[in-house]
Amino acid sequence: MIRVGIVGASGLAGGELIRLVLQHPELELTFLGVPPVRGGVRRSCIRGCGWTSG
């Protein structure tokens, strides 16, 4: 298993890359780097893709 981290995961290309990594049998998604937002953590980039931050 190859561990993968994605920096810039909040954009359209990052979202597509998340989807591709999650579907690949040899890859494990271990990190998502997203820019900070006021008042909390940005979670919209991982919603609906089957990966949880916790």
Protein backbone atom coordinates (compact mmCIF):
# COMPACT_ATOMS: atom_id res chain seq x y z
CA MET A 1 0.00 0.00 0.00
CA ILE A 2 1.35 3.41 -0.97
CA ARG A 3 0.44 6.26 1.40
CA VAL A 4 -0.65 9.44 -0.39
CA GLY A 5 -1.13 13.03 0.77
CA ILE A 6 -2.80 15.74 -1.30
CA VAL A 7 -1.93 19.41 -0.88
CA GLY A 8 -4.47 21.84 -2.33
CA ALA A 9 -7.33 19.41 -1.92
CA SER A 10 -10.08 22.05 -1.75
CA GLY A 11 -10.14 22.87 -5.47
CA LEU A 12 -11.73 21.06 -8.38
CA ALA A 13 -8.50 19.29 -9.38
CA GLY A 14 -7.85 18.31 -5.76
CA GLY A 15 -11.33 16.84 -5.45
CA GLU A 16 -10.84 14.80 -8.59
CA LEU A 17 -7.47 13.59 -7.33
CA ILE A 18 -9.09 12.51 -4.05
CA ARG A 19 -11.62 10.49 -6.01
CA LEU A 20 -8.93 8.81 -8.11
CA VAL A 21 -6.76 7.96 -5.10
CA LEU A 22 -9.71 6.47 -3.21
CA GLN A 23 -10.57 4.24 -6.15
CA HIS A 24 -7.01 2.96 -6.63
CA PRO A 25 -6.41 -0.41 -4.93
CA GLU A 26 -2.71 0.28 -4.18
CA LEU A 27 -3.11 3.77 -2.64
CA GLU A 28 -4.12 4.90 0.85
CA LEU A 29 -5.15 8.53 1.39
CA THR A 30 -3.49 9.72 4.60
CA PHE A 31 -3.40 13.53 4.40
CA LEU A 32 -5.41 16.39 2.89
CA GLY A 33 -3.92 19.87 2.93
CA VAL A 34 -6.48 22.65 2.59
CA PRO A 35 -6.19 26.39 3.18
CA PRO A 36 -7.56 27.58 6.53
CA VAL A 37 -10.91 29.36 6.71
CA ARG A 38 -12.21 31.77 9.31
CA GLY A 39 -14.10 30.13 12.14
CA GLY A 40 -13.18 26.50 11.63
CA VAL A 41 -11.92 23.71 9.46
CA ARG A 42 -12.83 23.38 5.81
CA ARG A 43 -14.60 20.07 5.35
CA SER A 44 -16.41 20.58 2.06
CA CYS A 45 -13.51 19.08 0.11
CA ILE A 46 -13.93 15.69 1.77
CA ARG A 47 -17.72 15.57 2.01
CA GLY A 48 -19.20 12.80 -0.11
CA CYS A 49 -15.92 11.19 -1.12
CA GLY A 50 -15.86 8.42 1.47
CA TRP A 51 -12.85 9.74 3.42
CA THR A 52 -13.16 11.11 6.92
CA SER A 53 -10.79 13.43 8.75
CA GLY A 54 -11.21 11.90 12.12
